[in-house]
Amino acid sequence: MYIYNVTTKIMPSIHEEWVEWMKHTHIPQVMKTGCFTKFQFVRLLETDESDGFTYAAQYYAESRADYNRYIELHAPLLRDDANKTWGNRFIGFRSLMEVVH
């Protein structure tokens, strides 16, 4: 099992609108690709929020092939949509983790 983690810091001016977009638009689009079996959407706590709020979306893939299919076929369009929608009002980074238990 693999976890594709996307951590994003959001400017306060778009915070609430962005959260709604994630819950009702972006995450459903990612899940609709069929590359992931489940997800978590969490807010990081105990962080300095003076310049923004930090969230992580974690998507669970059964295989590395599923993750690779997402990255190759779907990620570019979804990332482009996020950039067109929110511009430079967020920063993020992505990581891939393997469940080892």
N, C-alpha and C. Protein backbone atom coordinates (compact mmCIF):
# COMPACT_ATOMS: atom_id res chain seq x y z
N MET A 1 0.85 -1.18 0.00
CA MET A 1 0.00 0.00 0.00
C MET A 1 0.89 1.23 0.00
N TYR A 2 0.51 2.23 -0.79
CA TYR A 2 1.24 3.48 -0.90
C TYR A 2 0.33 4.64 -0.53
N ILE A 3 0.92 5.64 0.08
CA ILE A 3 0.18 6.86 0.43
C ILE A 3 0.83 8.02 -0.32
N TYR A 4 0.04 8.67 -1.15
CA TYR A 4 0.47 9.87 -1.86
C TYR A 4 -0.01 11.04 -1.01
N ASN A 5 0.93 11.78 -0.44
CA ASN A 5 0.62 12.87 0.48
C ASN A 5 0.87 14.21 -0.20
N VAL A 6 -0.12 15.08 -0.13
CA VAL A 6 0.01 16.43 -0.66
C VAL A 6 -0.25 17.40 0.49
N THR A 7 0.81 18.10 0.91
CA THR A 7 0.70 19.08 1.99
C THR A 7 0.66 20.46 1.38
N THR A 8 -0.32 21.26 1.82
CA THR A 8 -0.54 22.57 1.21
C THR A 8 -0.75 23.62 2.28
N LYS A 9 -0.09 24.76 2.11
CA LYS A 9 -0.29 25.92 2.98
C LYS A 9 -1.10 26.94 2.20
N ILE A 10 -2.20 27.38 2.79
CA ILE A 10 -3.18 28.24 2.12
C ILE A 10 -3.20 29.62 2.76
N MET A 11 -3.21 30.65 1.94
CA MET A 11 -3.31 32.01 2.45
C MET A 11 -4.65 32.19 3.17
N PRO A 12 -4.66 32.94 4.26
CA PRO A 12 -5.90 33.13 5.02
C PRO A 12 -7.06 33.69 4.18
N SER A 13 -6.76 34.51 3.19
CA SER A 13 -7.82 35.15 2.40
C SER A 13 -8.65 34.16 1.58
N ILE A 14 -8.13 32.96 1.30
CA ILE A 14 -8.87 31.98 0.51
C ILE A 14 -9.16 30.70 1.29
N HIS A 15 -8.80 30.69 2.55
CA HIS A 15 -8.84 29.48 3.36
C HIS A 15 -10.17 28.74 3.27
N GLU A 16 -11.26 29.37 3.64
CA GLU A 16 -12.55 28.68 3.69
C GLU A 16 -13.02 28.25 2.31
N GLU A 17 -12.84 29.08 1.32
CA GLU A 17 -13.24 28.74 -0.05
C GLU A 17 -12.42 27.57 -0.58
N TRP A 18 -11.11 27.56 -0.28
CA TRP A 18 -10.24 26.48 -0.72
C TRP A 18 -10.64 25.15 -0.08
N VAL A 19 -10.94 25.16 1.22
CA VAL A 19 -11.36 23.93 1.89
C VAL A 19 -12.61 23.36 1.23
N GLU A 20 -13.57 24.20 0.92
CA GLU A 20 -14.79 23.74 0.24
C GLU A 20 -14.48 23.18 -1.15
N TRP A 21 -13.57 23.84 -1.87
CA TRP A 21 -13.16 23.37 -3.19
C TRP A 21 -12.50 22.00 -3.08
N MET A 22 -11.65 21.84 -2.08
CA MET A 22 -11.00 20.53 -1.87
C MET A 22 -12.05 19.45 -1.60
N LYS A 23 -12.96 19.71 -0.70
CA LYS A 23 -13.94 18.70 -0.29
C LYS A 23 -14.93 18.36 -1.39
N HIS A 24 -15.34 19.35 -2.17
CA HIS A 24 -16.44 19.13 -3.11
C HIS A 24 -16.00 19.05 -4.58
N THR A 25 -14.77 19.46 -4.87
CA THR A 25 -14.31 19.45 -6.27
C THR A 25 -13.04 18.62 -6.43
N HIS A 26 -11.96 19.08 -5.82
CA HIS A 26 -10.65 18.46 -6.11
C HIS A 26 -10.54 17.01 -5.63
N ILE A 27 -10.80 16.75 -4.38
CA ILE A 27 -10.68 15.38 -3.87
C ILE A 27 -11.61 14.43 -4.63
N PRO A 28 -12.87 14.79 -4.88
CA PRO A 28 -13.71 13.90 -5.69
C PRO A 28 -13.13 13.64 -7.09
N GLN A 29 -12.50 14.65 -7.70
CA GLN A 29 -11.88 14.44 -9.01
C GLN A 29 -10.71 13.46 -8.91
N VAL A 30 -9.89 13.59 -7.88
CA VAL A 30 -8.77 12.67 -7.70
C VAL A 30 -9.29 11.25 -7.50
N MET A 31 -10.30 11.09 -6.65
CA MET A 31 -10.82 9.76 -6.37
C MET A 31 -11.51 9.16 -7.59
N LYS A 32 -12.09 9.99 -8.42
CA LYS A 32 -12.78 9.52 -9.63
C LYS A 32 -11.80 8.89 -10.64
N THR A 33 -10.52 9.16 -10.50
CA THR A 33 -9.54 8.58 -11.42
C THR A 33 -9.45 7.06 -11.26
N GLY A 34 -9.87 6.55 -10.11
CA GLY A 34 -9.79 5.12 -9.86
C GLY A 34 -8.41 4.65 -9.43
N CYS A 35 -7.49 5.56 -9.24
CA CYS A 35 -6.12 5.19 -8.87
C CYS A 35 -5.95 4.97 -7.36
N PHE A 36 -6.89 5.47 -6.57
CA PHE A 36 -6.78 5.40 -5.12
C PHE A 36 -8.02 4.74 -4.53
N THR A 37 -7.82 4.05 -3.40
CA THR A 37 -8.92 3.33 -2.77
C THR A 37 -9.60 4.11 -1.66
N LYS A 38 -8.87 5.04 -1.03
CA LYS A 38 -9.44 5.89 0.02
C LYS A 38 -8.56 7.11 0.18
N PHE A 39 -9.03 8.06 1.00
CA PHE A 39 -8.27 9.28 1.24
C PHE A 39 -8.54 9.78 2.66
N GLN A 40 -7.67 10.67 3.10
CA GLN A 40 -7.85 11.45 4.33
C GLN A 40 -7.56 12.89 3.98
N PHE A 41 -8.30 13.81 4.58
CA PHE A 41 -8.05 15.23 4.41
C PHE A 41 -7.94 15.80 5.82
N VAL A 42 -6.76 16.27 6.19
CA VAL A 42 -6.51 16.68 7.56
C VAL A 42 -5.89 18.07 7.62
N ARG A 43 -6.10 18.72 8.75
CA ARG A 43 -5.49 20.02 9.01
C ARG A 43 -4.37 19.82 10.03
N LEU A 44 -3.21 20.39 9.75
CA LEU A 44 -2.10 20.30 10.67
C LEU A 44 -2.34 21.25 11.83
N LEU A 45 -2.10 20.76 13.04
CA LEU A 45 -2.28 21.54 14.25
C LEU A 45 -0.92 21.90 14.84
N GLU A 46 -0.95 22.81 15.79
CA GLU A 46 0.25 23.25 16.49
C GLU A 46 1.31 23.77 15.52
N THR A 47 0.85 24.54 14.52
CA THR A 47 1.75 25.20 13.57
C THR A 47 1.48 26.70 13.62
N ASP A 48 2.42 27.48 13.17
CA ASP A 48 2.25 28.92 13.09
C ASP A 48 1.30 29.23 11.93
N GLU A 49 0.12 29.74 12.25
CA GLU A 49 -0.88 30.02 11.22
C GLU A 49 -0.96 31.50 10.86
N SER A 50 0.02 32.27 11.26
CA SER A 50 -0.03 33.71 11.00
C SER A 50 0.04 34.02 9.50
N ASP A 51 0.66 33.16 8.72
CA ASP A 51 0.75 33.41 7.28
C ASP A 51 -0.03 32.39 6.46
N GLY A 52 -0.84 31.56 7.12
CA GLY A 52 -1.66 30.61 6.39
C GLY A 52 -1.94 29.35 7.19
N PHE A 53 -2.82 28.54 6.63
CA PHE A 53 -3.25 27.30 7.26
C PHE A 53 -2.70 26.13 6.45
N THR A 54 -2.33 25.07 7.15
CA THR A 54 -1.70 23.93 6.48
C THR A 54 -2.59 22.70 6.55
N TYR A 55 -2.75 22.06 5.40
CA TYR A 55 -3.56 20.86 5.28
C TYR A 55 -2.77 19.78 4.56
N ALA A 56 -3.20 18.54 4.75
CA ALA A 56 -2.62 17.43 4.00
C ALA A 56 -3.76 16.58 3.47
N ALA A 57 -3.65 16.24 2.20
CA ALA A 57 -4.56 15.27 1.58
C ALA A 57 -3.74 14.02 1.34
N GLN A 58 -4.21 12.90 1.85
CA GLN A 58 -3.50 11.64 1.71
C GLN A 58 -4.37 10.66 0.94
N TYR A 59 -3.82 10.17 -0.16
CA TYR A 59 -4.54 9.26 -1.04
C TYR A 59 -3.86 7.89 -1.00
N TYR A 60 -4.63 6.83 -0.83
CA TYR A 60 -4.10 5.48 -0.67
C TYR A 60 -4.21 4.69 -1.97
N ALA A 61 -3.07 4.20 -2.45
CA ALA A 61 -3.02 3.41 -3.67
C ALA A 61 -2.62 1.97 -3.31
N GLU A 62 -3.29 1.01 -3.93
CA GLU A 62 -2.98 -0.39 -3.67
C GLU A 62 -1.61 -0.79 -4.20
N SER A 63 -1.16 -0.15 -5.28
CA SER A 63 0.11 -0.54 -5.89
C SER A 63 0.85 0.69 -6.40
N ARG A 64 2.12 0.50 -6.62
CA ARG A 64 2.93 1.57 -7.20
C ARG A 64 2.45 1.87 -8.62
N ALA A 65 1.97 0.87 -9.32
CA ALA A 65 1.45 1.06 -10.67
C ALA A 65 0.23 1.99 -10.65
N ASP A 66 -0.63 1.86 -9.65
CA ASP A 66 -1.80 2.76 -9.54
C ASP A 66 -1.34 4.19 -9.33
N TYR A 67 -0.37 4.37 -8.43
CA TYR A 67 0.18 5.70 -8.19
C TYR A 67 0.81 6.27 -9.47
N ASN A 68 1.62 5.46 -10.14
CA ASN A 68 2.27 5.92 -11.37
C ASN A 68 1.25 6.30 -12.44
N ARG A 69 0.18 5.53 -12.53
CA ARG A 69 -0.88 5.84 -13.50
C ARG A 69 -1.49 7.20 -13.19
N TYR A 70 -1.71 7.48 -11.91
CA TYR A 70 -2.25 8.79 -11.52
C TYR A 70 -1.28 9.91 -11.92
N ILE A 71 0.00 9.74 -11.57
CA ILE A 71 1.00 10.77 -11.85
C ILE A 71 1.12 11.03 -13.34
N GLU A 72 1.10 9.98 -14.13
CA GLU A 72 1.30 10.12 -15.57
C GLU A 72 0.06 10.62 -16.31
N LEU A 73 -1.11 10.10 -15.93
CA LEU A 73 -2.32 10.39 -16.71
C LEU A 73 -3.21 11.48 -16.15
N HIS A 74 -3.20 11.69 -14.84
CA HIS A 74 -4.19 12.58 -14.24
C HIS A 74 -3.60 13.79 -13.52
N ALA A 75 -2.46 13.62 -12.87
CA ALA A 75 -1.90 14.70 -12.05
C ALA A 75 -1.66 16.00 -12.82
N PRO A 76 -1.11 15.97 -14.03
CA PRO A 76 -0.85 17.24 -14.71
C PRO A 76 -2.10 18.11 -14.89
N LEU A 77 -3.20 17.50 -15.28
CA LEU A 77 -4.43 18.28 -15.49
C LEU A 77 -5.00 18.80 -14.17
N LEU A 78 -4.97 17.97 -13.14
CA LEU A 78 -5.51 18.39 -11.85
C LEU A 78 -4.63 19.47 -11.21
N ARG A 79 -3.34 19.37 -11.37
CA ARG A 79 -2.44 20.41 -10.85
C ARG A 79 -2.64 21.71 -11.61
N ASP A 80 -2.83 21.62 -12.90
CA ASP A 80 -3.09 22.81 -13.72
C ASP A 80 -4.38 23.49 -13.29
N ASP A 81 -5.40 22.70 -13.01
CA ASP A 81 -6.68 23.25 -12.54
C ASP A 81 -6.49 23.99 -11.22
N ALA A 82 -5.73 23.41 -10.30
CA ALA A 82 -5.49 24.07 -9.01
C ALA A 82 -4.74 25.39 -9.21
N ASN A 83 -3.75 25.38 -10.08
CA ASN A 83 -3.00 26.62 -10.33
C ASN A 83 -3.86 27.69 -10.99
N LYS A 84 -4.73 27.29 -11.91
CA LYS A 84 -5.62 28.26 -12.55
C LYS A 84 -6.64 28.81 -11.55
N THR A 85 -7.10 27.96 -10.66
CA THR A 85 -8.13 28.37 -9.69
C THR A 85 -7.55 29.25 -8.59
N TRP A 86 -6.37 28.92 -8.07
CA TRP A 86 -5.85 29.59 -6.88
C TRP A 86 -4.58 30.40 -7.11
N GLY A 87 -3.99 30.30 -8.28
CA GLY A 87 -2.80 31.10 -8.57
C GLY A 87 -1.67 30.86 -7.59
N ASN A 88 -1.08 31.94 -7.13
CA ASN A 88 0.06 31.84 -6.21
C ASN A 88 -0.35 32.02 -4.75
N ARG A 89 -1.60 31.73 -4.44
CA ARG A 89 -2.09 31.91 -3.08
C ARG A 89 -1.95 30.65 -2.22
N PHE A 90 -1.16 29.71 -2.69
CA PHE A 90 -0.87 28.51 -1.92
C PHE A 90 0.51 27.99 -2.29
N ILE A 91 1.07 27.22 -1.39
CA ILE A 91 2.31 26.50 -1.68
C ILE A 91 2.11 25.07 -1.21
N GLY A 92 2.76 24.15 -1.88
CA GLY A 92 2.58 22.77 -1.48
C GLY A 92 3.77 21.91 -1.84
N PHE A 93 3.78 20.76 -1.25
CA PHE A 93 4.76 19.76 -1.63
C PHE A 93 4.13 18.38 -1.56
N ARG A 94 4.68 17.48 -2.34
CA ARG A 94 4.13 16.14 -2.47
C ARG A 94 5.17 15.12 -2.02
N SER A 95 4.69 14.03 -1.47
CA SER A 95 5.58 12.93 -1.10
C SER A 95 4.84 11.62 -1.27
N LEU A 96 5.61 10.57 -1.51
CA LEU A 96 5.06 9.22 -1.63
C LEU A 96 5.62 8.40 -0.49
N MET A 97 4.75 7.70 0.19
CA MET A 97 5.15 6.86 1.33
C MET A 97 4.66 5.44 1.10
N GLU A 98 5.41 4.49 1.63
CA GLU A 98 5.01 3.09 1.55
C GLU A 98 4.65 2.62 2.95
N VAL A 99 3.51 1.98 3.10
CA VAL A 99 3.10 1.40 4.37
C VAL A 99 3.95 0.17 4.61
N VAL A 100 4.58 0.07 5.78
CA VAL A 100 5.52 -1.02 6.03
C VAL A 100 5.08 -1.98 7.15
N HIS A 101 3.88 -1.87 7.61
CA HIS A 101 3.45 -2.79 8.69
C HIS A 101 2.99 -4.11 8.18
